Amino acid sequence: MIRTSCEHGERKLLDEKHWDKTETLEYTPPQVFVLVRMYPKYVCPNHPECGVVSADRPNSLVAGDKYAPSVAAQIITAEYVHHLPLYRQQNIFAGCGWEPQRSTQWNIVRNAADLIAPLVEHYRQVALRDSVLGVDDTRVTMVITELLPAG
């Protein structure tokens, strides 16, 4: 046993700063889960004319708040960064327990695009204000077409 020594008896535990440390990379396969939110409803006792009221719900990506922005972010990143078409994403999601239709995925992407359209337009206008637009590290020869005065 490491806590005791055959010759000297009980050993003293050193502070954590003296301990050996290892860092091991772990991988957890993707997961999907359903987040349940409860919205209380209220009535005025003895006043049925007031009806039933509930707190306003936050705006959602798809009507009914069925898909969180994280789902849209995953679909968009897989499609446009990792070049995974929707049919392949269907198989990946199925391995997590969710089997979306391609039309559902496309609706999520389209709704996300509609939601961020004002931001995209703003960035487009910002980019177009400059005379040169850099897009990556590829070397490009710039050709200046205006005539310079002689001399």
N, C-alpha and C. Protein backbone atom coordinates (compact mmCIF):
# COMPACT_ATOMS: atom_id res chain seq x y z
N MET A 1 0.85 -1.18 0.00
CA MET A 1 0.00 0.00 0.00
C MET A 1 0.89 1.23 0.00
N ILE A 2 0.55 2.24 -0.76
CA ILE A 2 1.42 3.43 -0.87
C ILE A 2 1.25 4.38 0.32
N ARG A 3 0.16 4.24 1.10
CA ARG A 3 -0.06 5.15 2.23
C ARG A 3 0.84 4.83 3.43
N THR A 4 1.37 3.64 3.44
CA THR A 4 2.25 3.28 4.55
C THR A 4 3.58 2.73 4.02
N SER A 5 4.59 2.90 4.80
CA SER A 5 5.93 2.41 4.47
C SER A 5 6.23 1.24 5.40
N CYS A 6 6.85 0.18 4.87
CA CYS A 6 7.20 -0.98 5.70
C CYS A 6 8.16 -0.58 6.82
N GLU A 7 9.05 0.36 6.53
CA GLU A 7 10.07 0.74 7.50
C GLU A 7 9.63 1.88 8.41
N HIS A 8 8.81 2.83 7.92
CA HIS A 8 8.57 4.06 8.67
C HIS A 8 7.10 4.28 9.06
N GLY A 9 6.19 3.45 8.63
CA GLY A 9 4.79 3.58 9.01
C GLY A 9 4.00 4.51 8.08
N GLU A 10 3.06 5.28 8.65
CA GLU A 10 2.15 6.15 7.90
C GLU A 10 2.93 7.24 7.16
N ARG A 11 2.59 7.42 5.88
CA ARG A 11 3.19 8.49 5.08
C ARG A 11 2.33 9.73 5.11
N LYS A 12 2.95 10.90 4.93
CA LYS A 12 2.24 12.18 4.90
C LYS A 12 1.86 12.50 3.45
N LEU A 13 0.61 12.91 3.26
CA LEU A 13 0.11 13.28 1.94
C LEU A 13 0.62 14.67 1.57
N LEU A 14 1.25 14.79 0.40
CA LEU A 14 1.74 16.09 -0.06
C LEU A 14 0.59 16.93 -0.61
N ASP A 15 0.78 18.25 -0.65
CA ASP A 15 -0.21 19.15 -1.24
C ASP A 15 -0.41 18.82 -2.71
N GLU A 16 -1.59 19.16 -3.21
CA GLU A 16 -1.92 18.88 -4.61
C GLU A 16 -0.93 19.47 -5.59
N LYS A 17 -0.33 20.61 -5.27
CA LYS A 17 0.61 21.25 -6.18
C LYS A 17 1.83 20.37 -6.46
N HIS A 18 2.07 19.36 -5.63
CA HIS A 18 3.21 18.45 -5.82
C HIS A 18 2.80 17.15 -6.52
N TRP A 19 1.54 16.96 -6.77
CA TRP A 19 1.06 15.73 -7.39
C TRP A 19 1.43 15.68 -8.86
N ASP A 20 1.55 14.48 -9.40
CA ASP A 20 1.71 14.29 -10.84
C ASP A 20 0.35 14.52 -11.49
N LYS A 21 0.38 15.03 -12.71
CA LYS A 21 -0.87 15.32 -13.41
C LYS A 21 -0.77 14.81 -14.84
N THR A 22 -1.85 14.19 -15.32
CA THR A 22 -1.94 13.81 -16.72
C THR A 22 -3.21 14.45 -17.29
N GLU A 23 -3.17 14.77 -18.56
CA GLU A 23 -4.34 15.30 -19.25
C GLU A 23 -4.62 14.38 -20.43
N THR A 24 -5.81 13.82 -20.46
CA THR A 24 -6.20 12.85 -21.47
C THR A 24 -7.37 13.39 -22.26
N LEU A 25 -7.23 13.45 -23.57
CA LEU A 25 -8.32 13.90 -24.42
C LEU A 25 -9.37 12.81 -24.51
N GLU A 26 -10.61 13.16 -24.27
CA GLU A 26 -11.74 12.23 -24.37
C GLU A 26 -12.65 12.69 -25.50
N TYR A 27 -13.40 11.76 -26.06
CA TYR A 27 -14.36 12.09 -27.10
C TYR A 27 -15.72 11.55 -26.68
N THR A 28 -16.71 12.41 -26.72
CA THR A 28 -18.09 12.01 -26.47
C THR A 28 -18.85 12.19 -27.77
N PRO A 29 -19.46 11.13 -28.28
CA PRO A 29 -20.23 11.29 -29.52
C PRO A 29 -21.31 12.35 -29.35
N PRO A 30 -21.69 12.99 -30.44
CA PRO A 30 -22.72 14.03 -30.35
C PRO A 30 -24.00 13.50 -29.72
N GLN A 31 -24.69 14.38 -29.01
CA GLN A 31 -25.93 14.01 -28.35
C GLN A 31 -27.00 15.03 -28.68
N VAL A 32 -28.21 14.58 -28.72
CA VAL A 32 -29.35 15.49 -28.81
C VAL A 32 -30.24 15.20 -27.60
N PHE A 33 -30.88 16.23 -27.10
CA PHE A 33 -31.79 16.06 -25.98
C PHE A 33 -32.89 17.10 -26.10
N VAL A 34 -33.98 16.84 -25.42
CA VAL A 34 -35.12 17.75 -25.45
C VAL A 34 -35.10 18.57 -24.17
N LEU A 35 -35.08 19.87 -24.33
CA LEU A 35 -35.15 20.80 -23.20
C LEU A 35 -36.61 21.16 -23.00
N VAL A 36 -37.15 20.91 -21.82
CA VAL A 36 -38.54 21.20 -21.54
C VAL A 36 -38.63 22.49 -20.73
N ARG A 37 -39.42 23.43 -21.22
CA ARG A 37 -39.67 24.68 -20.50
C ARG A 37 -41.15 24.72 -20.14
N MET A 38 -41.46 25.13 -18.95
CA MET A 38 -42.85 25.23 -18.52
C MET A 38 -43.23 26.72 -18.45
N TYR A 39 -44.41 27.04 -18.97
CA TYR A 39 -44.92 28.41 -18.95
C TYR A 39 -46.19 28.43 -18.12
N PRO A 40 -46.15 29.04 -16.93
CA PRO A 40 -47.34 29.05 -16.09
C PRO A 40 -48.46 29.90 -16.70
N LYS A 41 -49.68 29.55 -16.36
CA LYS A 41 -50.85 30.29 -16.81
C LYS A 41 -51.57 30.82 -15.58
N TYR A 42 -52.22 31.97 -15.75
CA TYR A 42 -52.89 32.63 -14.64
C TYR A 42 -54.32 33.00 -15.01
N VAL A 43 -55.18 33.01 -14.00
CA VAL A 43 -56.56 33.46 -14.16
C VAL A 43 -56.90 34.38 -13.00
N CYS A 44 -57.88 35.24 -13.20
CA CYS A 44 -58.40 36.08 -12.12
C CYS A 44 -59.55 35.31 -11.47
N PRO A 45 -59.40 34.96 -10.19
CA PRO A 45 -60.50 34.24 -9.54
C PRO A 45 -61.78 35.08 -9.56
N ASN A 46 -62.86 34.43 -9.83
CA ASN A 46 -64.18 35.07 -9.84
C ASN A 46 -64.37 36.10 -10.95
N HIS A 47 -63.45 36.16 -11.91
CA HIS A 47 -63.58 37.09 -13.03
C HIS A 47 -63.24 36.37 -14.34
N PRO A 48 -64.12 35.52 -14.82
CA PRO A 48 -63.82 34.76 -16.03
C PRO A 48 -63.66 35.64 -17.27
N GLU A 49 -64.15 36.87 -17.22
CA GLU A 49 -64.00 37.76 -18.37
C GLU A 49 -62.54 38.13 -18.64
N CYS A 50 -61.69 38.01 -17.64
CA CYS A 50 -60.26 38.30 -17.83
C CYS A 50 -59.57 37.24 -18.67
N GLY A 51 -60.09 36.03 -18.65
CA GLY A 51 -59.49 34.96 -19.43
C GLY A 51 -58.23 34.40 -18.79
N VAL A 52 -57.54 33.59 -19.55
CA VAL A 52 -56.31 32.96 -19.10
C VAL A 52 -55.14 33.69 -19.74
N VAL A 53 -54.11 34.01 -18.95
CA VAL A 53 -52.93 34.70 -19.48
C VAL A 53 -51.68 33.89 -19.15
N SER A 54 -50.67 34.06 -19.99
CA SER A 54 -49.38 33.40 -19.81
C SER A 54 -48.29 34.38 -20.22
N ALA A 55 -47.11 34.20 -19.67
CA ALA A 55 -45.99 35.07 -20.02
C ALA A 55 -45.65 34.94 -21.51
N ASP A 56 -45.16 36.03 -22.09
CA ASP A 56 -44.74 35.98 -23.49
C ASP A 56 -43.59 35.00 -23.64
N ARG A 57 -43.58 34.32 -24.74
CA ARG A 57 -42.51 33.37 -25.01
C ARG A 57 -41.46 34.03 -25.88
N PRO A 58 -40.20 33.63 -25.71
CA PRO A 58 -39.14 34.23 -26.55
C PRO A 58 -39.34 33.85 -28.01
N ASN A 59 -38.81 34.70 -28.90
CA ASN A 59 -38.85 34.37 -30.33
C ASN A 59 -38.09 33.08 -30.57
N SER A 60 -38.55 32.32 -31.54
CA SER A 60 -37.87 31.06 -31.82
C SER A 60 -37.55 30.96 -33.29
N LEU A 61 -36.67 30.06 -33.60
CA LEU A 61 -36.20 29.86 -34.96
C LEU A 61 -37.28 29.27 -35.85
N VAL A 62 -38.04 28.33 -35.32
CA VAL A 62 -39.12 27.68 -36.05
C VAL A 62 -40.37 27.79 -35.17
N ALA A 63 -41.52 28.00 -35.78
CA ALA A 63 -42.76 28.14 -35.02
C ALA A 63 -42.93 26.97 -34.05
N GLY A 64 -43.32 27.28 -32.84
CA GLY A 64 -43.50 26.24 -31.84
C GLY A 64 -42.26 26.00 -31.00
N ASP A 65 -41.18 26.71 -31.29
CA ASP A 65 -39.93 26.60 -30.53
C ASP A 65 -39.44 25.15 -30.47
N LYS A 66 -39.53 24.45 -31.61
CA LYS A 66 -39.15 23.04 -31.64
C LYS A 66 -37.65 22.80 -31.76
N TYR A 67 -36.92 23.78 -32.31
CA TYR A 67 -35.49 23.57 -32.55
C TYR A 67 -34.71 24.76 -32.00
N ALA A 68 -33.72 24.47 -31.18
CA ALA A 68 -32.90 25.52 -30.59
C ALA A 68 -31.91 26.07 -31.61
N PRO A 69 -31.38 27.26 -31.38
CA PRO A 69 -30.35 27.80 -32.28
C PRO A 69 -29.14 26.88 -32.40
N SER A 70 -28.87 26.07 -31.39
CA SER A 70 -27.73 25.15 -31.47
C SER A 70 -27.92 24.11 -32.58
N VAL A 71 -29.18 23.72 -32.82
CA VAL A 71 -29.46 22.77 -33.90
C VAL A 71 -29.17 23.44 -35.24
N ALA A 72 -29.63 24.68 -35.40
CA ALA A 72 -29.36 25.42 -36.64
C ALA A 72 -27.86 25.61 -36.83
N ALA A 73 -27.16 25.97 -35.76
CA ALA A 73 -25.71 26.18 -35.86
C ALA A 73 -25.00 24.91 -36.31
N GLN A 74 -25.43 23.77 -35.80
CA GLN A 74 -24.81 22.50 -36.19
C GLN A 74 -25.07 22.18 -37.65
N ILE A 75 -26.32 22.33 -38.08
CA ILE A 75 -26.66 22.02 -39.47
C ILE A 75 -25.92 22.95 -40.42
N ILE A 76 -25.89 24.24 -40.12
CA ILE A 76 -25.23 25.21 -41.00
C ILE A 76 -23.73 24.99 -41.04
N THR A 77 -23.13 24.74 -39.88
CA THR A 77 -21.68 24.49 -39.83
C THR A 77 -21.33 23.23 -40.61
N ALA A 78 -22.09 22.17 -40.40
CA ALA A 78 -21.81 20.92 -41.12
C ALA A 78 -21.97 21.11 -42.63
N GLU A 79 -22.99 21.85 -43.04
CA GLU A 79 -23.27 22.05 -44.47
C GLU A 79 -22.22 22.95 -45.13
N TYR A 80 -21.96 24.10 -44.53
CA TYR A 80 -21.16 25.12 -45.23
C TYR A 80 -19.70 25.18 -44.80
N VAL A 81 -19.34 24.58 -43.68
CA VAL A 81 -17.93 24.55 -43.27
C VAL A 81 -17.33 23.18 -43.56
N HIS A 82 -18.05 22.13 -43.19
CA HIS A 82 -17.53 20.77 -43.37
C HIS A 82 -18.05 20.11 -44.64
N HIS A 83 -18.87 20.82 -45.42
CA HIS A 83 -19.38 20.36 -46.72
C HIS A 83 -20.12 19.02 -46.62
N LEU A 84 -20.91 18.87 -45.57
CA LEU A 84 -21.72 17.67 -45.41
C LEU A 84 -23.14 17.95 -45.89
N PRO A 85 -23.58 17.30 -46.95
CA PRO A 85 -24.94 17.54 -47.43
C PRO A 85 -25.96 17.07 -46.40
N LEU A 86 -27.19 17.55 -46.54
CA LEU A 86 -28.23 17.26 -45.56
C LEU A 86 -28.50 15.77 -45.42
N TYR A 87 -28.42 15.01 -46.51
CA TYR A 87 -28.70 13.58 -46.39
C TYR A 87 -27.66 12.88 -45.52
N ARG A 88 -26.42 13.34 -45.55
CA ARG A 88 -25.40 12.75 -44.67
C ARG A 88 -25.63 13.18 -43.22
N GLN A 89 -26.06 14.42 -43.06
CA GLN A 89 -26.36 14.90 -41.71
C GLN A 89 -27.52 14.11 -41.11
N GLN A 90 -28.47 13.70 -41.96
CA GLN A 90 -29.58 12.86 -41.47
C GLN A 90 -29.03 11.62 -40.77
N ASN A 91 -28.05 10.98 -41.39
CA ASN A 91 -27.46 9.76 -40.81
C ASN A 91 -26.73 10.06 -39.51
N ILE A 92 -26.03 11.18 -39.46
CA ILE A 92 -25.31 11.55 -38.24
C ILE A 92 -26.31 11.80 -37.12
N PHE A 93 -27.35 12.58 -37.41
CA PHE A 93 -28.37 12.85 -36.39
C PHE A 93 -29.08 11.55 -35.98
N ALA A 94 -29.33 10.66 -36.92
CA ALA A 94 -29.99 9.39 -36.60
C ALA A 94 -29.16 8.60 -35.59
N GLY A 95 -27.85 8.68 -35.71
CA GLY A 95 -26.98 8.01 -34.74
C GLY A 95 -27.09 8.59 -33.35
N CYS A 96 -27.62 9.81 -33.24
CA CYS A 96 -27.84 10.46 -31.95
C CYS A 96 -29.25 10.24 -31.44
N GLY A 97 -30.11 9.65 -32.26
CA GLY A 97 -31.47 9.40 -31.82
C GLY A 97 -32.52 10.31 -32.42
N TRP A 98 -32.14 11.22 -33.29
CA TRP A 98 -33.09 12.13 -33.94
C TRP A 98 -33.02 11.87 -35.44
N GLU A 99 -34.15 11.65 -36.07
CA GLU A 99 -34.17 11.35 -37.50
C GLU A 99 -34.94 12.44 -38.25
N PRO A 100 -34.28 13.57 -38.51
CA PRO A 100 -34.98 14.67 -39.19
C PRO A 100 -35.13 14.42 -40.68
N GLN A 101 -36.18 14.95 -41.25
CA GLN A 101 -36.33 14.94 -42.71
C GLN A 101 -35.42 16.02 -43.28
N ARG A 102 -35.00 15.85 -44.51
CA ARG A 102 -34.19 16.90 -45.15
C ARG A 102 -34.97 18.20 -45.24
N SER A 103 -36.27 18.11 -45.46
CA SER A 103 -37.08 19.33 -45.54
C SER A 103 -37.08 20.06 -44.19
N THR A 104 -37.06 19.32 -43.09
CA THR A 104 -36.99 19.95 -41.77
C THR A 104 -35.66 20.67 -41.61
N GLN A 105 -34.58 20.00 -41.99
CA GLN A 105 -33.26 20.64 -41.90
C GLN A 105 -33.22 21.89 -42.78
N TRP A 106 -33.75 21.78 -43.99
CA TRP A 106 -33.74 22.93 -44.89
C TRP A 106 -34.57 24.08 -44.32
N ASN A 107 -35.71 23.78 -43.71
CA ASN A 107 -36.52 24.84 -43.08
C ASN A 107 -35.77 25.52 -41.95
N ILE A 108 -35.03 24.76 -41.19
CA ILE A 108 -34.23 25.34 -40.11
C ILE A 108 -33.17 26.28 -40.68
N VAL A 109 -32.48 25.85 -41.74
CA VAL A 109 -31.45 26.69 -42.38
C VAL A 109 -32.09 27.95 -42.96
N ARG A 110 -33.22 27.80 -43.66
CA ARG A 110 -33.88 28.95 -44.27
C ARG A 110 -34.35 29.94 -43.20
N ASN A 111 -34.93 29.45 -42.12
CA ASN A 111 -35.38 30.35 -41.05
C ASN A 111 -34.21 31.06 -40.38
N ALA A 112 -33.10 30.36 -40.22
CA ALA A 112 -31.91 30.99 -39.64
C ALA A 112 -31.39 32.08 -40.58
N ALA A 113 -31.41 31.79 -41.87
CA ALA A 113 -30.96 32.79 -42.86
C ALA A 113 -31.85 34.02 -42.82
N ASP A 114 -33.17 33.81 -42.73
CA ASP A 114 -34.10 34.95 -42.64
C ASP A 114 -33.84 35.76 -41.38
N LEU A 115 -33.53 35.06 -40.29
CA LEU A 115 -33.30 35.73 -39.02
C LEU A 115 -32.05 36.60 -39.04
N ILE A 116 -31.00 36.11 -39.68
CA ILE A 116 -29.74 36.87 -39.68
C ILE A 116 -29.57 37.76 -40.91
N ALA A 117 -30.58 37.82 -41.78
CA ALA A 117 -30.48 38.63 -43.01
C ALA A 117 -30.10 40.09 -42.73
N PRO A 118 -30.67 40.76 -41.73
CA PRO A 118 -30.26 42.15 -41.48
C PRO A 118 -28.78 42.26 -41.09
N LEU A 119 -28.27 41.30 -40.33
CA LEU A 119 -26.86 41.32 -39.96
C LEU A 119 -25.97 41.09 -41.18
N VAL A 120 -26.36 40.15 -42.02
CA VAL A 120 -25.61 39.87 -43.25
C VAL A 120 -25.58 41.10 -44.15
N GLU A 121 -26.71 41.78 -44.29
CA GLU A 121 -26.77 42.99 -45.11
C GLU A 121 -25.88 44.09 -44.53
N HIS A 122 -25.88 44.22 -43.21
CA HIS A 122 -25.00 45.21 -42.57
C HIS A 122 -23.54 44.92 -42.91
N TYR A 123 -23.12 43.66 -42.75
CA TYR A 123 -21.73 43.31 -43.06
C TYR A 123 -21.42 43.48 -44.54
N ARG A 124 -22.38 43.23 -45.39
CA ARG A 124 -22.19 43.44 -46.83
C ARG A 124 -21.92 44.91 -47.12
N GLN A 125 -22.71 45.79 -46.50
CA GLN A 125 -22.51 47.22 -46.70
C GLN A 125 -21.15 47.67 -46.15
N VAL A 126 -20.76 47.15 -45.01
CA VAL A 126 -19.44 47.49 -44.44
C VAL A 126 -18.34 47.04 -45.39
N ALA A 127 -18.44 45.83 -45.94
CA ALA A 127 -17.41 45.31 -46.84
C ALA A 127 -17.33 46.12 -48.13
N LEU A 128 -18.48 46.57 -48.63
CA LEU A 128 -18.50 47.29 -49.90
C LEU A 128 -18.00 48.74 -49.78
N ARG A 129 -17.88 49.25 -48.56
CA ARG A 129 -17.38 50.62 -48.38
C ARG A 129 -15.90 50.75 -48.72
N ASP A 130 -15.16 49.67 -48.63
CA ASP A 130 -13.72 49.72 -48.86
C ASP A 130 -13.43 49.48 -50.34
N SER A 131 -12.29 49.96 -50.80
CA SER A 131 -11.94 49.80 -52.21
C SER A 131 -11.29 48.45 -52.49
N VAL A 132 -10.79 47.76 -51.45
CA VAL A 132 -10.17 46.46 -51.62
C VAL A 132 -10.80 45.50 -50.61
N LEU A 133 -11.11 44.32 -51.08
CA LEU A 133 -11.72 43.32 -50.21
C LEU A 133 -10.83 42.10 -50.18
N GLY A 134 -10.26 41.79 -49.01
CA GLY A 134 -9.44 40.60 -48.85
C GLY A 134 -10.29 39.47 -48.36
N VAL A 135 -10.17 38.29 -48.98
CA VAL A 135 -11.02 37.18 -48.59
C VAL A 135 -10.25 35.99 -48.06
N ASP A 136 -8.99 35.81 -48.44
CA ASP A 136 -8.19 34.73 -47.89
C ASP A 136 -6.72 35.05 -48.13
N ASP A 137 -5.86 34.06 -47.91
CA ASP A 137 -4.41 34.29 -48.03
C ASP A 137 -3.87 34.00 -49.42
N THR A 138 -4.73 33.75 -50.38
CA THR A 138 -4.27 33.47 -51.73
C THR A 138 -3.71 34.75 -52.34
N ARG A 139 -2.54 34.65 -52.94
CA ARG A 139 -1.93 35.84 -53.55
C ARG A 139 -2.69 36.22 -54.81
N VAL A 140 -2.95 37.52 -54.96
CA VAL A 140 -3.66 38.04 -56.12
C VAL A 140 -2.89 39.25 -56.63
N THR A 141 -2.69 39.31 -57.93
CA THR A 141 -2.06 40.48 -58.52
C THR A 141 -3.13 41.54 -58.72
N MET A 142 -2.90 42.73 -58.15
CA MET A 142 -3.88 43.80 -58.28
C MET A 142 -3.57 44.60 -59.53
N VAL A 143 -4.56 44.78 -60.35
CA VAL A 143 -4.41 45.55 -61.58
C VAL A 143 -5.14 46.87 -61.38
N ILE A 144 -4.40 47.97 -61.49
CA ILE A 144 -5.01 49.29 -61.35
C ILE A 144 -5.36 49.77 -62.75
N THR A 145 -6.61 50.07 -62.96
CA THR A 145 -7.06 50.39 -64.32
C THR A 145 -7.08 51.88 -64.61
N GLU A 146 -6.95 52.73 -63.60
CA GLU A 146 -7.00 54.15 -63.89
C GLU A 146 -5.65 54.60 -64.47
N LEU A 147 -5.68 55.57 -65.34
CA LEU A 147 -4.47 56.07 -65.97
C LEU A 147 -3.76 57.04 -65.04
N LEU A 148 -2.46 56.83 -64.90
CA LEU A 148 -1.67 57.74 -64.08
C LEU A 148 -1.08 58.82 -64.97
N PRO A 149 -0.96 60.05 -64.48
CA PRO A 149 -0.35 61.13 -65.30
C PRO A 149 1.09 60.79 -65.68
N ALA A 150 1.49 61.18 -66.88
CA ALA A 150 2.85 60.93 -67.36
C ALA A 150 3.82 61.79 -66.60
N GLY A 151 4.97 61.23 -66.36
CA GLY A 151 6.04 62.04 -65.79
C GLY A 151 6.39 61.67 -64.47
